[in-house]
Amino acid sequence: MRIGVVSDTHNHLRNTRRIVELFNAAGVEQVVHTGDITQPKVLHALRGLDAPLAGVFGNNDLERRELEATCSELDFHFRDPPLHLDWGGRRVVVVHDPRDLAALSLEPGTLALHGHTHCTTTRRHEDGGLAFNPGECAGMIAGANTVGVVDLFDLRVELLRF
């Protein structure tokens, strides 16, 4: 199973529409947003995804009532971190801030997803797990926009740059 991972969209609609195109072309089966959507208009742009969307709210998701209502309307599954998922035989844990991972007891082989730093991070663990941040996609760092595709079978990561 291949999943798309996006973080920190921060209301950048043009990039969000491009992310939808990239994930649809990659044929991902699920998409995870690791937080900082910021406004419901981003969720409306993500409704073009061919795969279900789940995720967590970040520190800049201050319009919570509106975001939650839009998630409900669009059948997206978002919550406060951590979000625990079991996909493709793999345990997946989603937070926004990577510092929140330290407080969690993760099973061996867990895929831990986060955002917040706007920097791509891929850290493999001795127990077979992986911590991954797809990096910048909000257009704040010119030419450095990325999202990720993770294969849950072997935790192989592919960065999609745009």
C-alpha atoms as a PDB file:
ATOM      1  CA  MET A   1       0.000   0.000   0.000  1.00  0.00           C
ATOM      2  CA  ARG A   2       1.317   3.434  -0.977  1.00  0.00           C
ATOM      3  CA  ILE A   3       0.247   6.516   0.955  1.00  0.00           C
ATOM      4  CA  GLY A   4       0.662  10.207   0.221  1.00  0.00           C
ATOM      5  CA  VAL A   5       1.987  12.450   3.002  1.00  0.00           C
ATOM      6  CA  VAL A   6       1.580  16.233   3.017  1.00  0.00           C
ATOM      7  CA  SER A   7       2.182  18.864   5.671  1.00  0.00           C
ATOM      8  CA  ASP A   8       1.944  22.571   6.312  1.00  0.00           C
ATOM      9  CA  THR A   9      -0.181  23.671   3.358  1.00  0.00           C
ATOM     10  CA  HIS A  10      -0.878  27.032   5.087  1.00  0.00           C
ATOM     11  CA  ASN A  11      -3.624  28.187   2.684  1.00  0.00           C
ATOM     12  CA  HIS A  12      -1.496  27.889  -0.436  1.00  0.00           C
ATOM     13  CA  LEU A  13      -4.262  26.882  -2.866  1.00  0.00           C
ATOM     14  CA  ARG A  14      -2.190  26.693  -6.053  1.00  0.00           C
ATOM     15  CA  ASN A  15       0.248  24.299  -4.378  1.00  0.00           C
ATOM     16  CA  THR A  16      -2.618  22.330  -2.819  1.00  0.00           C
ATOM     17  CA  ARG A  17      -4.175  21.803  -6.248  1.00  0.00           C
ATOM     18  CA  ARG A  18      -0.774  20.643  -7.522  1.00  0.00           C
ATOM     19  CA  ILE A  19      -0.490  18.224  -4.582  1.00  0.00           C
ATOM     20  CA  VAL A  20      -3.847  16.703  -5.545  1.00  0.00           C
ATOM     21  CA  GLU A  21      -2.557  16.185  -9.106  1.00  0.00           C
ATOM     22  CA  LEU A  22       0.686  14.607  -7.859  1.00  0.00           C
ATOM     23  CA  PHE A  23      -1.011  12.177  -5.471  1.00  0.00           C
ATOM     24  CA  ASN A  24      -3.654  11.206  -8.023  1.00  0.00           C
ATOM     25  CA  ALA A  25      -0.961  10.570 -10.655  1.00  0.00           C
ATOM     26  CA  ALA A  26       1.034   8.498  -8.122  1.00  0.00           C
ATOM     27  CA  GLY A  27      -2.014   6.328  -7.441  1.00  0.00           C
ATOM     28  CA  VAL A  28      -1.774   6.526  -3.650  1.00  0.00           C
ATOM     29  CA  GLU A  29      -4.418   4.603  -1.712  1.00  0.00           C
ATOM     30  CA  GLN A  30      -4.575   6.938   1.318  1.00  0.00           C
ATOM     31  CA  VAL A  31      -3.408  10.486   2.027  1.00  0.00           C
ATOM     32  CA  VAL A  32      -2.260  11.877   5.378  1.00  0.00           C
ATOM     33  CA  HIS A  33      -2.024  15.580   6.231  1.00  0.00           C
ATOM     34  CA  THR A  34       0.231  16.223   9.226  1.00  0.00           C
ATOM     35  CA  GLY A  35      -1.297  19.586  10.112  1.00  0.00           C
ATOM     36  CA  ASP A  36      -1.329  23.329   9.517  1.00  0.00           C
ATOM     37  CA  ILE A  37      -4.100  23.352   6.960  1.00  0.00           C
ATOM     38  CA  THR A  38      -5.073  26.760   8.379  1.00  0.00           C
ATOM     39  CA  GLN A  39      -8.395  27.400   6.604  1.00  0.00           C
ATOM     40  CA  PRO A  40     -11.258  25.274   5.213  1.00  0.00           C
ATOM     41  CA  LYS A  41     -10.575  26.411   1.631  1.00  0.00           C
ATOM     42  CA  VAL A  42      -7.540  24.083   1.613  1.00  0.00           C
ATOM     43  CA  LEU A  43      -9.745  21.132   2.572  1.00  0.00           C
ATOM     44  CA  HIS A  44     -12.106  22.024  -0.279  1.00  0.00           C
ATOM     45  CA  ALA A  45      -9.133  21.962  -2.670  1.00  0.00           C
ATOM     46  CA  LEU A  46      -8.148  18.515  -1.317  1.00  0.00           C
ATOM     47  CA  ARG A  47     -11.559  17.033  -2.110  1.00  0.00           C
ATOM     48  CA  GLY A  48     -10.188  16.352  -5.605  1.00  0.00           C
ATOM     49  CA  LEU A  49      -8.061  13.523  -4.196  1.00  0.00           C
ATOM     50  CA  ASP A  50      -8.806  10.042  -5.546  1.00  0.00           C
ATOM     51  CA  ALA A  51      -7.891   8.591  -2.109  1.00  0.00           C
ATOM     52  CA  PRO A  52      -9.376   9.085   1.372  1.00  0.00           C
ATOM     53  CA  LEU A  53      -7.810  11.834   3.511  1.00  0.00           C
ATOM     54  CA  ALA A  54      -6.972  11.635   7.220  1.00  0.00           C
ATOM     55  CA  GLY A  55      -4.783  13.789   9.411  1.00  0.00           C
ATOM     56  CA  VAL A  56      -4.172  15.906  12.461  1.00  0.00           C
ATOM     57  CA  PHE A  57      -4.635  19.546  13.280  1.00  0.00           C
ATOM     58  CA  GLY A  58      -1.508  21.682  13.738  1.00  0.00           C
ATOM     59  CA  ASN A  59      -0.647  24.746  15.784  1.00  0.00           C
ATOM     60  CA  ASN A  60      -1.844  27.115  13.025  1.00  0.00           C
ATOM     61  CA  ASP A  61      -5.243  25.434  12.620  1.00  0.00           C
ATOM     62  CA  LEU A  62      -7.014  28.073  14.679  1.00  0.00           C
ATOM     63  CA  GLU A  63     -10.330  28.051  12.793  1.00  0.00           C
ATOM     64  CA  ARG A  64     -11.166  24.716  14.398  1.00  0.00           C
ATOM     65  CA  ARG A  65     -14.948  24.892  14.307  1.00  0.00           C
ATOM     66  CA  GLU A  66     -14.891  25.653  10.577  1.00  0.00           C
ATOM     67  CA  LEU A  67     -12.181  23.071   9.860  1.00  0.00           C
ATOM     68  CA  GLU A  68     -14.038  20.358  11.769  1.00  0.00           C
ATOM     69  CA  ALA A  69     -17.320  21.190   9.995  1.00  0.00           C
ATOM     70  CA  THR A  70     -15.598  21.024   6.599  1.00  0.00           C
ATOM     71  CA  CYS A  71     -13.924  17.705   7.481  1.00  0.00           C
ATOM     72  CA  SER A  72     -17.317  16.303   8.430  1.00  0.00           C
ATOM     73  CA  GLU A  73     -18.911  17.632   5.237  1.00  0.00           C
ATOM     74  CA  LEU A  74     -16.163  16.141   3.038  1.00  0.00           C
ATOM     75  CA  ASP A  75     -15.851  12.869   5.014  1.00  0.00           C
ATOM     76  CA  PHE A  76     -12.220  13.578   5.973  1.00  0.00           C
ATOM     77  CA  HIS A  77     -10.939  12.077   9.244  1.00  0.00           C
ATOM     78  CA  PHE A  78      -8.998  14.699  11.268  1.00  0.00           C
ATOM     79  CA  ARG A  79      -8.333  14.964  14.985  1.00  0.00           C
ATOM     80  CA  ASP A  80      -5.903  16.379  17.511  1.00  0.00           C
ATOM     81  CA  PRO A  81      -2.607  14.489  17.521  1.00  0.00           C
ATOM     82  CA  PRO A  82      -1.678  11.761  17.907  1.00  0.00           C
ATOM     83  CA  LEU A  83      -3.659   9.916  15.265  1.00  0.00           C
ATOM     84  CA  HIS A  84      -3.086   6.141  15.293  1.00  0.00           C
ATOM     85  CA  LEU A  85      -3.805   4.204  12.103  1.00  0.00           C
ATOM     86  CA  ASP A  86      -3.400   0.596  11.024  1.00  0.00           C
ATOM     87  CA  TRP A  87      -2.953   0.548   7.252  1.00  0.00           C
ATOM     88  CA  GLY A  88      -1.569  -2.164   5.043  1.00  0.00           C
ATOM     89  CA  GLY A  89      -0.393  -4.210   8.022  1.00  0.00           C
ATOM     90  CA  ARG A  90       1.637  -1.278   9.353  1.00  0.00           C
ATOM     91  CA  ARG A  91       1.136   0.870  12.446  1.00  0.00           C
ATOM     92  CA  VAL A  92       1.115   4.567  11.480  1.00  0.00           C
ATOM     93  CA  VAL A  93       1.247   7.407  14.025  1.00  0.00           C
ATOM     94  CA  VAL A  94       0.613  11.001  12.953  1.00  0.00           C
ATOM     95  CA  VAL A  95       1.521  14.146  14.916  1.00  0.00           C
ATOM     96  CA  HIS A  96       2.190  17.703  13.833  1.00  0.00           C
ATOM     97  CA  ASP A  97       5.139  18.688  16.014  1.00  0.00           C
ATOM     98  CA  PRO A  98       8.003  16.136  15.980  1.00  0.00           C
ATOM     99  CA  ARG A  99       8.640  16.797  19.683  1.00  0.00           C
ATOM    100  CA  ASP A 100       5.339  15.010  20.379  1.00  0.00           C
ATOM    101  CA  LEU A 101       6.860  11.735  19.152  1.00  0.00           C
ATOM    102  CA  ALA A 102       9.179  11.560  22.180  1.00  0.00           C
ATOM    103  CA  ALA A 103       6.201  11.097  24.514  1.00  0.00           C
ATOM    104  CA  LEU A 104       4.814   8.152  22.531  1.00  0.00           C
ATOM    105  CA  SER A 105       5.681   4.508  22.989  1.00  0.00           C
ATOM    106  CA  LEU A 106       5.979   3.286  19.414  1.00  0.00           C
ATOM    107  CA  GLU A 107       5.862  -0.355  18.398  1.00  0.00           C
ATOM    108  CA  PRO A 108       8.808  -1.686  16.363  1.00  0.00           C
ATOM    109  CA  GLY A 109       8.366  -0.970  12.672  1.00  0.00           C
ATOM    110  CA  THR A 110       6.021   1.994  13.206  1.00  0.00           C
ATOM    111  CA  LEU A 111       5.790   4.733  10.588  1.00  0.00           C
ATOM    112  CA  ALA A 112       5.774   8.059  12.476  1.00  0.00           C
ATOM    113  CA  LEU A 113       4.651  11.040  10.396  1.00  0.00           C
ATOM    114  CA  HIS A 114       5.015  14.694  11.358  1.00  0.00           C
ATOM    115  CA  GLY A 115       5.324  18.190   9.934  1.00  0.00           C
ATOM    116  CA  HIS A 116       5.773  21.588  11.589  1.00  0.00           C
ATOM    117  CA  THR A 117       9.444  22.215  10.712  1.00  0.00           C
ATOM    118  CA  HIS A 118       8.968  22.688   6.937  1.00  0.00           C
ATOM    119  CA  CYS A 119      12.091  20.538   6.465  1.00  0.00           C
ATOM    120  CA  THR A 120      12.140  17.127   4.841  1.00  0.00           C
ATOM    121  CA  THR A 121      13.238  14.519   7.365  1.00  0.00           C
ATOM    122  CA  THR A 122      13.671  10.768   6.910  1.00  0.00           C
ATOM    123  CA  ARG A 123      15.002   8.972  10.005  1.00  0.00           C
ATOM    124  CA  ARG A 124      15.212   5.174   9.977  1.00  0.00           C
ATOM    125  CA  HIS A 125      15.157   3.424  13.336  1.00  0.00           C
ATOM    126  CA  GLU A 126      16.994   0.269  14.379  1.00  0.00           C
ATOM    127  CA  ASP A 127      13.649  -1.438  15.077  1.00  0.00           C
ATOM    128  CA  GLY A 128      12.662  -1.111  11.412  1.00  0.00           C
ATOM    129  CA  GLY A 129      10.526   1.992  11.928  1.00  0.00           C
ATOM    130  CA  LEU A 130      10.683   5.323  10.173  1.00  0.00           C
ATOM    131  CA  ALA A 131      10.046   8.951  11.160  1.00  0.00           C
ATOM    132  CA  PHE A 132       9.151  11.055   8.131  1.00  0.00           C
ATOM    133  CA  ASN A 133       8.335  14.713   7.478  1.00  0.00           C
ATOM    134  CA  PRO A 134       7.472  15.463   3.832  1.00  0.00           C
ATOM    135  CA  GLY A 135       8.768  19.025   4.213  1.00  0.00           C
ATOM    136  CA  GLU A 136       7.735  22.306   2.671  1.00  0.00           C
ATOM    137  CA  CYS A 137       4.670  22.573   0.457  1.00  0.00           C
ATOM    138  CA  ALA A 138       3.258  25.956   1.378  1.00  0.00           C
ATOM    139  CA  GLY A 139       5.448  27.949  -0.988  1.00  0.00           C
ATOM    140  CA  MET A 140       7.368  29.573   1.866  1.00  0.00           C
ATOM    141  CA  ILE A 141      10.716  28.321   0.602  1.00  0.00           C
ATOM    142  CA  ALA A 142      10.847  28.957  -3.149  1.00  0.00           C
ATOM    143  CA  GLY A 143      11.619  25.899  -5.265  1.00  0.00           C
ATOM    144  CA  ALA A 144      11.650  23.566  -2.267  1.00  0.00           C
ATOM    145  CA  ASN A 145       8.074  22.261  -2.288  1.00  0.00           C
ATOM    146  CA  THR A 146       7.788  18.542  -1.562  1.00  0.00           C
ATOM    147  CA  VAL A 147       5.274  15.909  -0.582  1.00  0.00           C
ATOM    148  CA  GLY A 148       6.006  12.261   0.036  1.00  0.00           C
ATOM    149  CA  VAL A 149       4.815   8.848  -1.024  1.00  0.00           C
ATOM    150  CA  VAL A 150       5.572   6.043   1.419  1.00  0.00           C
ATOM    151  CA  ASP A 151       5.277   2.357   0.580  1.00  0.00           C
ATOM    152  CA  LEU A 152       3.982   0.724   3.755  1.00  0.00           C
ATOM    153  CA  PHE A 153       5.451  -2.654   2.829  1.00  0.00           C
ATOM    154  CA  ASP A 154       9.117  -1.634   3.069  1.00  0.00           C
ATOM    155  CA  LEU A 155       8.839   2.020   4.199  1.00  0.00           C
ATOM    156  CA  ARG A 156      10.471   3.190   0.985  1.00  0.00           C
ATOM    157  CA  VAL A 157      10.035   6.972   0.595  1.00  0.00           C
ATOM    158  CA  GLU A 158       9.678   8.885  -2.639  1.00  0.00           C
ATOM    159  CA  LEU A 159       9.788  12.686  -2.539  1.00  0.00           C
ATOM    160  CA  LEU A 160       7.702  14.494  -5.132  1.00  0.00           C
ATOM    161  CA  ARG A 161       9.157  17.943  -5.810  1.00  0.00           C
ATOM    162  CA  PHE A 162       7.256  20.800  -7.385  1.00  0.00           C
END
